[in-house]
Amino acid sequence: MKLHLKNELEEIPPAADAAEASLLAQGASADAVYAARLVIEELVSNTIKYAYQDSDPHEILLDLRIQEGTMVLEVSDDGHPFNPLEAQAPDLSLPAADRPIGGLGLHLVRSMTDSLTYARKDGRNIVTIQKSLS
């Protein structure tokens, strides 16, 4: 399944719903469906909020596929280079009120998926996550 999203927050819920429906139709576990929704919500919202310095229209691409019992979800955008693997993990030992804002969503994405990779190619950020369907 390939989706082309505008850089508008309203695009996120229908994209997450479409991914969920596709995964459920293919017998994915609740954990895999939840991970897909989380990845779409976190990565796409972060892209919309932080990747662009202009208010021009931009396209965010989602590519969801199943390979050998594994969900592969690729999120691609033409925003500023940003490698989520280099983002500092939040200090979870601190009380929530004492933690700086930000970083928890990426931490959840990393912890709920089996793998996360990043590439910058042809002016695009490409984040690929994998999660077992079982």
Foldseek 3Di string as FASTA:
>chain_A
DKDKDKLDLVRLPVVLVVQLVVLVVVQFDPLQSVLSSLCSNVVSPCCSVPFDPDPDIWIWMWDWDDDPQKIKIKIKTLGDDDDLVPDDAWDPVDPPVPTDPDRPSSVCSCVSFPDWDWDQDPNMIMIMTMHGRD
